[in-house]
Protein backbone atom coordinates (compact mmCIF):
# COMPACT_ATOMS: atom_id res chain seq x y z
CA MET A 1 -42.32 19.16 37.74
CA PRO A 2 -44.56 22.39 36.41
CA LYS A 3 -47.73 21.15 33.94
CA LYS A 4 -46.34 23.26 31.66
CA GLN A 5 -43.00 21.43 31.07
CA THR A 6 -44.82 18.21 31.65
CA LYS A 7 -46.81 18.86 28.75
CA THR A 8 -43.50 20.27 26.68
CA ASN A 9 -42.02 16.49 27.66
CA GLU A 10 -45.54 15.13 26.70
CA LYS A 11 -45.51 16.88 23.18
CA HIS A 12 -41.58 15.24 22.33
CA TYR A 13 -42.09 12.18 22.75
CA ALA A 14 -45.00 11.73 21.09
CA ASP A 15 -43.24 13.61 18.46
CA MET A 16 -40.25 11.46 18.36
CA SER A 17 -42.62 8.19 18.38
CA SER A 18 -44.58 9.62 15.49
CA LYS A 19 -41.52 9.73 13.57
CA GLN A 20 -40.65 6.54 14.82
CA ARG A 21 -44.01 4.95 13.35
CA LEU A 22 -43.63 6.51 10.13
CA ARG A 23 -43.68 4.76 7.31
CA ILE A 24 -41.64 5.62 4.17
CA ASP A 25 -42.22 4.81 0.82
CA VAL A 26 -39.23 3.42 -0.88
CA GLN A 27 -39.41 1.89 -4.15
CA PRO A 28 -38.60 -2.34 -4.24
CA HIS A 29 -36.37 -2.15 -7.31
CA MET A 30 -34.37 0.42 -5.14
CA LEU A 31 -34.11 -1.94 -2.37
CA LYS A 32 -33.11 -4.67 -4.67
CA TRP A 33 -30.13 -3.01 -5.70
CA ALA A 34 -28.96 -2.33 -2.82
CA ILE A 35 -29.36 -5.50 -1.40
CA GLU A 36 -27.15 -6.93 -4.48
CA ARG A 37 -24.69 -3.99 -4.08
CA SER A 38 -23.69 -4.53 -0.73
CA GLY A 39 -22.80 -7.93 -1.66
CA LYS A 40 -25.16 -9.62 1.03
CA SER A 41 -28.20 -11.75 0.66
CA ILE A 42 -31.71 -11.22 1.89
CA GLU A 43 -31.13 -14.25 4.88
CA GLN A 44 -28.59 -11.93 6.05
CA LEU A 45 -29.86 -8.77 6.29
CA SER A 46 -33.21 -10.32 7.91
CA GLN A 47 -31.67 -11.39 10.62
CA ILE A 48 -30.48 -7.87 11.52
CA ASN A 49 -32.07 -6.32 14.29
CA GLY A 50 -35.33 -4.53 12.55
CA LEU A 51 -35.24 -5.97 9.60
CA HIS A 52 -36.98 -9.17 9.39
CA LYS A 53 -39.32 -7.63 7.17
CA ILE A 54 -37.48 -6.82 3.98
CA SER A 55 -38.94 -9.79 1.98
CA GLN A 56 -42.67 -7.66 2.59
CA TRP A 57 -40.85 -4.18 1.79
CA MET A 58 -39.90 -5.39 -1.34
CA SER A 59 -43.42 -7.18 -2.48
CA GLY A 60 -44.91 -3.96 -0.93
CA GLU A 61 -47.15 -5.48 1.98
CA SER A 62 -45.30 -3.34 4.50
CA LYS A 63 -43.52 -0.46 4.41
CA PRO A 64 -40.18 0.66 6.33
CA THR A 65 -40.21 3.19 9.17
CA LEU A 66 -37.88 5.66 9.38
CA ARG A 67 -35.58 3.90 11.68
CA GLN A 68 -35.57 1.06 9.59
CA LEU A 69 -34.91 2.88 6.88
CA ALA A 70 -31.56 4.38 8.37
CA GLY A 71 -30.22 0.49 9.51
CA PHE A 72 -31.61 -0.82 6.17
CA THR A 73 -28.78 1.24 4.28
CA ASN A 74 -26.40 1.18 7.49
CA ALA A 75 -26.48 -2.39 6.58
CA THR A 76 -26.01 -1.87 2.89
CA TYR A 77 -23.80 0.56 3.15
CA VAL A 78 -25.80 2.80 1.15
CA PRO A 79 -26.16 6.78 1.36
CA PHE A 80 -29.47 7.26 3.05
CA GLY A 81 -30.72 9.76 0.13
CA TYR A 82 -29.99 7.03 -2.64
CA MET A 83 -33.07 5.46 -1.29
CA PHE A 84 -35.25 8.18 -2.47
CA LEU A 85 -33.86 8.25 -5.93
CA ALA A 86 -36.17 7.18 -9.13
CA LYS A 87 -33.32 4.39 -10.35
CA PRO A 88 -30.06 3.49 -8.89
CA PRO A 89 -27.10 6.04 -9.79
CA LYS A 90 -24.56 4.90 -12.37
CA GLU A 91 -21.92 3.82 -10.09
CA ARG A 92 -18.53 3.52 -12.07
CA ILE A 93 -14.31 2.89 -11.22
CA PRO A 94 -13.06 6.16 -12.21
CA ILE A 95 -9.73 4.22 -13.16
CA PRO A 96 -9.72 1.05 -15.73
CA HIS A 97 -9.95 -2.01 -13.84
CA PHE A 98 -7.35 -4.29 -15.59
CA ARG A 99 -8.69 -8.19 -15.09
CA THR A 100 -6.60 -11.39 -16.10
CA LEU A 101 -9.33 -13.48 -16.91
CA ASN A 102 -11.99 -11.88 -18.59
CA THR A 103 -14.65 -14.40 -17.22
CA ARG A 104 -14.59 -13.08 -14.07
CA SER A 105 -17.28 -10.21 -12.98
CA ALA A 106 -17.10 -6.97 -14.67
CA ARG A 107 -18.98 -5.28 -11.86
CA PRO A 108 -16.87 -4.23 -9.06
CA SER A 109 -18.06 -4.87 -5.23
CA ILE A 110 -19.15 -1.91 -3.49
CA ASN A 111 -16.01 -2.89 -1.17
CA LEU A 112 -13.36 -1.85 -3.54
CA MET A 113 -15.67 1.48 -4.51
CA ASP A 114 -15.81 2.40 -1.11
CA THR A 115 -11.93 2.27 -0.16
CA LEU A 116 -11.23 3.79 -3.69
CA ARG A 117 -13.26 6.83 -2.46
CA THR A 118 -11.10 7.02 0.57
CA VAL A 119 -8.22 6.90 -0.56
CA LYS A 120 -8.91 9.65 -3.74
CA GLN A 121 -10.63 12.05 -0.73
CA ARG A 122 -7.12 11.50 1.10
CA GLN A 123 -5.50 12.43 -2.33
CA ASP A 124 -7.26 15.44 -2.86
CA TRP A 125 -6.58 16.50 0.47
CA VAL A 126 -2.91 15.74 0.19
CA ARG A 127 -2.09 17.05 -3.55
CA ASP A 128 -4.14 20.45 -2.05
CA TYR A 129 -1.60 20.54 1.29
CA LEU A 130 1.29 20.22 -1.06
CA ILE A 131 0.40 22.77 -3.82
CA ARG A 132 -0.53 25.23 -0.44
CA GLU A 133 2.98 24.83 0.94
CA GLU A 134 4.63 25.19 -2.43
CA HIS A 135 6.08 21.51 -2.96
CA PRO A 136 7.37 21.08 -6.71
CA ALA A 137 5.74 18.47 -8.56
CA LEU A 138 7.25 15.03 -8.86
CA LYS A 139 9.80 14.63 -11.72
CA PHE A 140 9.74 10.70 -12.09
CA VAL A 141 5.37 10.70 -11.98
CA ASN A 142 4.81 9.90 -16.04
CA SER A 143 8.58 10.38 -17.23
CA ALA A 144 8.86 6.92 -18.63
CA SER A 145 6.94 5.65 -22.07
CA LEU A 146 5.81 2.44 -23.84
CA THR A 147 8.79 2.90 -26.40
CA ASP A 148 11.02 2.46 -22.96
CA THR A 149 12.42 -0.93 -22.37
CA ALA A 150 11.87 -2.67 -19.12
CA VAL A 151 15.35 -2.77 -17.78
CA GLU A 152 15.72 0.98 -18.50
CA ILE A 153 13.01 1.97 -16.73
CA ALA A 154 13.72 -0.47 -13.56
CA GLY A 155 16.88 0.78 -13.57
CA ARG A 156 15.46 4.94 -12.84
CA MET A 157 13.13 3.71 -10.54
CA ARG A 158 16.62 2.40 -8.14
CA LYS A 159 17.80 5.67 -9.14
CA GLU A 160 15.21 7.25 -7.35
CA LEU A 161 14.81 5.37 -4.58
CA ASN A 162 18.45 4.93 -4.41
CA MET A 163 18.37 1.29 -4.11
CA ASP A 164 21.71 0.87 -6.16
CA ASP A 165 23.79 -1.25 -3.10
CA ASN A 166 22.98 -3.77 -1.45
CA GLU A 167 19.03 -3.55 -1.57
CA THR A 168 16.11 -5.78 -3.31
CA GLY A 169 17.73 -7.48 -6.50
CA LYS A 170 21.30 -6.99 -5.10
CA ASN A 171 23.65 -8.71 -2.46
CA ASP A 172 27.06 -7.54 -1.32
CA GLY A 173 28.04 -11.47 -2.06
CA LYS A 174 27.20 -12.88 0.94
CA GLU A 175 24.79 -15.53 0.95
CA LYS A 176 22.04 -14.96 3.78
CA ARG A 177 21.75 -18.12 6.19
CA GLU A 178 18.72 -20.20 6.35
CA SER A 179 18.17 -19.63 9.24
CA ASP A 180 17.54 -15.61 8.57
CA PRO A 181 14.21 -16.07 6.63
CA ASP A 182 13.14 -12.27 6.91
CA SER A 183 15.42 -10.86 4.84
CA TRP A 184 13.51 -10.45 1.82
CA GLU A 185 10.93 -8.88 4.50
CA SER A 186 12.86 -6.56 6.03
CA ALA A 187 13.33 -5.59 1.84
CA LEU A 188 10.18 -5.12 1.54
CA LYS A 189 9.46 -2.46 4.46
CA ASN A 190 12.59 -0.95 3.30
CA MET A 191 11.27 -0.71 -0.31
CA MET A 192 8.25 1.28 0.79
CA ASP A 193 9.70 3.57 3.18
CA ARG A 194 12.10 4.52 0.40
CA MET A 195 9.02 5.32 -1.82
CA GLN A 196 7.49 7.33 1.16
CA GLU A 197 10.67 9.31 1.05
CA VAL A 198 10.70 10.29 -2.23
CA GLY A 199 7.16 11.21 -2.12
CA VAL A 200 4.81 8.35 -3.02
CA PHE A 201 2.02 7.14 -0.49
CA VAL A 202 1.76 3.48 0.32
CA ILE A 203 -1.40 2.00 1.91
CA ILE A 204 -1.47 -1.55 3.11
CA ASN A 205 -5.22 -2.32 4.19
CA GLY A 206 -7.14 -5.79 4.20
CA VAL A 207 -10.79 -4.25 5.16
CA VAL A 208 -12.51 -0.95 4.27
CA GLY A 209 -11.39 1.52 6.50
CA ASN A 210 -10.95 0.30 10.14
CA ASN A 211 -14.00 -2.06 9.94
CA THR A 212 -12.84 -6.21 9.96
CA HIS A 213 -16.38 -7.13 9.38
CA ARG A 214 -15.56 -5.95 5.93
CA ARG A 215 -13.07 -8.10 4.35
CA LEU A 216 -11.22 -6.87 1.13
CA SER A 217 -11.11 -9.88 -2.02
CA VAL A 218 -7.81 -10.41 -3.38
CA GLU A 219 -9.88 -12.48 -6.26
CA GLU A 220 -11.06 -9.33 -7.40
CA PHE A 221 -8.04 -6.70 -7.08
CA ARG A 222 -4.33 -6.88 -5.42
CA GLY A 223 -4.17 -3.84 -5.77
CA PHE A 224 -4.78 0.05 -6.97
CA VAL A 225 -2.64 3.19 -7.59
CA LEU A 226 -3.68 6.90 -8.28
CA VAL A 227 -0.97 8.65 -10.42
CA ASP A 228 -1.05 12.23 -9.45
CA GLU A 229 2.45 14.65 -10.08
CA HIS A 230 2.30 15.94 -6.17
CA ALA A 231 0.60 13.27 -4.52
CA PRO A 232 0.65 9.67 -5.85
CA PHE A 233 -1.41 7.00 -3.87
CA VAL A 234 -0.49 2.91 -4.14
CA PHE A 235 -2.87 0.64 -1.90
CA ILE A 236 -1.90 -2.69 -1.62
CA ASN A 237 -4.60 -5.81 -0.38
CA GLY A 238 -3.39 -6.76 3.04
CA ALA A 239 -5.57 -9.38 2.59
CA ASP A 240 -2.96 -10.66 -0.28
CA ALA A 241 0.39 -12.72 1.25
CA LYS A 242 3.38 -11.15 2.01
CA SER A 243 5.22 -12.90 -0.47
CA ALA A 244 2.89 -11.62 -3.31
CA GLN A 245 2.87 -7.83 -2.02
CA MET A 246 6.22 -7.18 -2.83
CA PHE A 247 5.63 -7.98 -6.64
CA THR A 248 2.30 -5.72 -6.23
CA LEU A 249 4.01 -3.25 -4.67
CA ALA A 250 6.60 -2.88 -7.86
CA HIS A 251 4.40 -3.24 -10.46
CA GLU A 252 2.63 -0.07 -9.14
CA LEU A 253 5.75 1.88 -8.84
CA ALA A 254 6.07 0.72 -12.63
CA HIS A 255 2.67 2.83 -12.87
CA ILE A 256 3.41 5.64 -11.58
CA TRP A 257 6.39 6.19 -13.82
CA LEU A 258 4.13 5.28 -16.89
CA GLY A 259 1.60 7.66 -15.53
CA ALA A 260 -1.36 5.51 -15.62
CA SER A 261 -3.53 4.84 -12.38
CA ALA A 262 -5.17 1.25 -12.63
CA VAL A 263 -7.03 -1.40 -10.42
CA PHE A 264 -5.54 -4.80 -10.97
CA ASP A 265 -6.29 -8.37 -9.99
CA LEU A 266 -2.70 -10.00 -11.15
CA TYR A 267 -4.19 -13.15 -10.91
CA LYS A 268 -1.17 -15.54 -10.04
CA LEU A 269 0.87 -12.52 -11.10
CA ASP A 270 -0.04 -12.62 -14.78
CA PRO A 271 -1.13 -9.22 -15.88
CA ALA A 272 -4.62 -8.80 -18.25
CA ASP A 273 -3.69 -8.06 -22.23
CA ASP A 274 -3.13 -4.81 -22.15
CA ALA A 275 -0.14 -2.89 -23.13
CA VAL A 276 0.80 -0.96 -19.85
CA GLU A 277 -0.18 -4.04 -17.85
CA LEU A 278 2.70 -6.21 -19.56
CA LEU A 279 5.27 -3.47 -19.73
CA CYS A 280 4.61 -2.81 -15.95
CA ASN A 281 4.83 -6.50 -14.81
CA ARG A 282 8.14 -6.41 -16.87
CA VAL A 283 9.33 -3.85 -15.15
CA ALA A 284 8.53 -5.20 -11.62
CA ALA A 285 10.29 -8.12 -12.27
CA GLU A 286 13.72 -6.58 -13.62
CA PHE A 287 13.09 -3.72 -11.03
CA LEU A 288 13.05 -6.60 -8.10
CA LEU A 289 15.47 -9.43 -9.91
CA PRO A 290 17.99 -8.62 -12.95
CA ALA A 291 17.48 -10.84 -15.05
CA ALA A 292 21.41 -10.96 -15.69
CA LYS A 293 21.98 -11.21 -12.59
CA LEU A 294 19.44 -14.43 -11.34
CA LEU A 295 20.93 -16.11 -15.07
CA ARG A 296 24.54 -15.42 -13.72
CA SER A 297 24.20 -16.56 -10.32
CA TRP A 298 21.34 -20.01 -11.00
CA ASP A 299 23.96 -22.62 -11.21
CA ARG A 300 25.27 -22.20 -7.53
CA PHE A 301 21.55 -22.26 -6.36
CA ALA A 302 20.63 -25.18 -8.34
CA GLU A 303 22.74 -26.84 -6.33
CA LYS A 304 20.76 -26.33 -2.97
CA PRO A 305 17.94 -28.25 -1.88
CA ASP A 306 15.32 -25.61 -2.27
CA PRO A 307 16.88 -23.41 -5.24
CA TYR A 308 14.51 -21.02 -5.09
CA LYS A 309 14.53 -20.63 -1.46
CA ALA A 310 18.31 -20.04 -1.27
CA ALA A 311 17.84 -17.13 -4.64
CA ALA A 312 15.21 -15.43 -2.63
CA GLN A 313 17.38 -15.25 0.85
CA TYR A 314 20.76 -14.26 -1.64
CA PHE A 315 18.67 -11.50 -3.91
CA LYS A 316 16.57 -10.17 -0.88
CA VAL A 317 13.04 -11.28 -2.47
CA SER A 318 10.19 -13.53 -1.87
CA ARG A 319 10.45 -16.98 -2.83
CA ILE A 320 7.17 -16.20 -5.00
CA VAL A 321 9.29 -13.47 -7.05
CA VAL A 322 12.19 -15.74 -7.88
CA ALA A 323 9.75 -18.32 -9.31
CA ARG A 324 8.17 -15.49 -11.09
CA ARG A 325 11.51 -14.37 -12.50
CA ALA A 326 12.64 -18.09 -13.62
CA LEU A 327 9.36 -18.70 -15.30
CA ASP A 328 9.31 -15.74 -17.35
CA LEU A 329 13.43 -16.50 -18.20
CA GLY A 330 11.95 -19.93 -19.44
CA MET A 331 14.03 -21.33 -16.45
CA ILE A 332 11.18 -23.35 -15.50
CA ASN A 333 7.96 -24.82 -16.78
CA ARG A 334 4.36 -22.91 -15.49
CA ASP A 335 3.35 -25.31 -13.49
CA THR A 336 6.26 -25.48 -11.18
CA PHE A 337 5.78 -21.62 -11.26
CA LEU A 338 1.82 -22.39 -9.98
CA ASN A 339 3.13 -25.03 -7.52
CA ILE A 340 5.36 -22.57 -5.99
CA PHE A 341 3.24 -19.67 -6.12
CA ASP A 342 0.05 -21.81 -4.47
CA ASN A 343 2.25 -22.69 -1.77
CA GLY A 344 3.65 -19.47 -0.99
CA SER A 345 0.17 -17.69 -1.20
CA LYS A 346 -1.68 -19.89 1.66
CA THR A 347 -0.03 -18.15 4.56
CA PRO A 348 -2.05 -14.44 4.99
CA ALA A 349 0.21 -11.40 5.98
CA LYS A 350 0.58 -10.98 9.16
CA ARG A 351 -0.22 -7.30 10.65
CA SER A 352 -0.75 -6.23 7.18
CA GLY A 353 -4.04 -4.27 7.82
CA SER A 354 -5.87 -7.52 7.43
CA GLY A 355 -7.23 -7.13 11.03
CA SER A 356 -5.43 -10.33 12.45
CA GLY A 357 -4.22 -9.04 15.32
CA GLY A 358 -1.06 -7.15 16.70
CA ASN A 359 -0.29 -3.08 18.19
CA PHE A 360 -3.50 -1.68 16.45
CA TYR A 361 -1.62 1.43 16.04
CA ALA A 362 0.93 -0.06 14.31
CA THR A 363 -2.06 -1.32 11.71
CA VAL A 364 -3.30 2.12 11.47
CA ASN A 365 0.18 3.16 10.26
CA LEU A 366 0.19 0.91 7.91
CA ARG A 367 -3.58 1.79 6.86
CA ILE A 368 -3.60 4.93 6.09
CA GLY A 369 -0.07 5.49 6.09
CA ARG A 370 2.86 7.25 8.05
CA ARG A 371 3.45 9.78 5.86
CA PHE A 372 -0.01 10.73 5.70
CA GLY A 373 -0.38 10.31 9.19
CA ARG A 374 2.05 12.93 10.13
CA MET A 375 1.05 15.17 7.44
CA VAL A 376 -2.90 15.15 8.92
CA VAL A 377 -1.71 15.38 12.42
CA SER A 378 0.59 18.54 11.88
CA ALA A 379 -1.78 20.34 10.22
CA VAL A 380 -4.24 20.01 13.01
CA ARG A 381 -1.38 21.26 15.34
CA SER A 382 -1.31 24.14 13.11
CA GLY A 383 -4.79 24.83 12.62
CA GLU A 384 -5.00 24.14 9.03
CA ILE A 385 -7.74 22.07 9.61
CA LEU A 386 -10.43 20.80 12.65
CA TYR A 387 -10.12 17.72 13.96
CA ARG A 388 -13.43 16.71 13.01
CA ASP A 389 -11.75 16.78 9.58
CA ALA A 390 -8.90 14.71 10.00
CA TYR A 391 -10.95 11.77 11.74
CA ASP A 392 -13.11 11.95 8.86
CA LEU A 393 -9.23 11.91 6.99
CA THR A 394 -7.90 8.91 9.10
CA ASP A 395 -11.02 7.06 9.89
CA LEU A 396 -10.58 7.37 13.45
CA ASN A 397 -12.35 8.65 16.78
CA ARG A 398 -11.00 11.68 18.85
CA SER A 399 -9.70 9.11 21.41
CA SER A 400 -7.85 6.75 18.57
CA PHE A 401 -6.45 9.92 16.37
CA GLU A 402 -5.29 11.23 19.50
CA LYS A 403 -3.05 8.25 20.56
CA TYR A 404 -2.05 7.49 16.76
CA ALA A 405 -0.42 10.75 16.97
CA THR A 406 1.23 9.68 19.85
CA SER A 407 2.70 6.56 18.87
CA LEU A 408 3.69 9.01 15.33
CA GLY A 409 5.92 10.25 17.86
CA PHE A 410 4.19 13.49 18.99
CA GLY A 411 0.74 14.68 20.77
CA MET A 412 -1.69 16.55 20.33
CA ASN A 413 -0.75 18.48 23.65
CA ASN A 414 2.21 19.60 22.42
């Protein structure tokens, strides 16, 4: 090897070694903020390779190298540049966060914040795309008001989704056999399909993006909705039991009709003490299971060994929804409802974006939404966006994105 080339290489590696040894001056209070924000403990972080001296960094005994600080920000989900700020940035949820219990922590988790940011990024892109393609605004968005009754709003929702005949809350007069437990699950899927057909983007995910190590908390939120006249997005926490997801989805749909974005926990399916939340809950209940129909049919179900299961199979809703409706109508007491709810919530949803296995691309389809996925793939094929933008929007790498595109019915080389 020529001497000149040898000297060049030696200088290159010397520069690299120097950068790795370079100590970064980071304020201890910024390190503390990042750790608290991540929800992890110092002990947990100290187990990560290169982060064993975190306690010394915080006390000022030593300082991290550039590589160690990068590892720290990666482990705490903090943008690298934030560590050089004089004080922590103010991070607030951009939409109302309704909590049923006021005693719960008002500070949103970083998992919720990152999920909101991702969905908002997707919504902004979709909105621009649809406007550019001259798609008209959705007339049903913000078409209802607090002066409307739950029955009126639920009726409009059912009409818009074309769910008047033999859909959720209505049957053809034939009871489902007890050996057909998936009737309400099929109705849930049908409901999501109808929502996407009319222009609502539906996402179900139990983790942050595709990171199965960052699970979303059902105790913090069951879902959220970002209202927009061109691109309304609803997000269901896939870590929740599927039987409860049906009610959450209907609740979110009511939010779109009322034009009100929000995050909510719906603890035990109870709404927060807010006029919009209270109405959305009443609308969701009426949409899924009209009061008149349940009252008219209850006697026939009461004779069954499990009247809630019988009613659920007949009306194509989950057992939890039947119990919630019966509680609202004064047909059962709260203890009975809570017993049914707790039992029905023990089994988490299967393949609902919680990273519990199954077909990966079917799971991805839930995590980003089929309609959104097809829109991104179409934009790439037509040259409207770059591949790297598509990877960023879908949180997929090149190989996974191309396989996902194929799973939607067309390959990237078509």
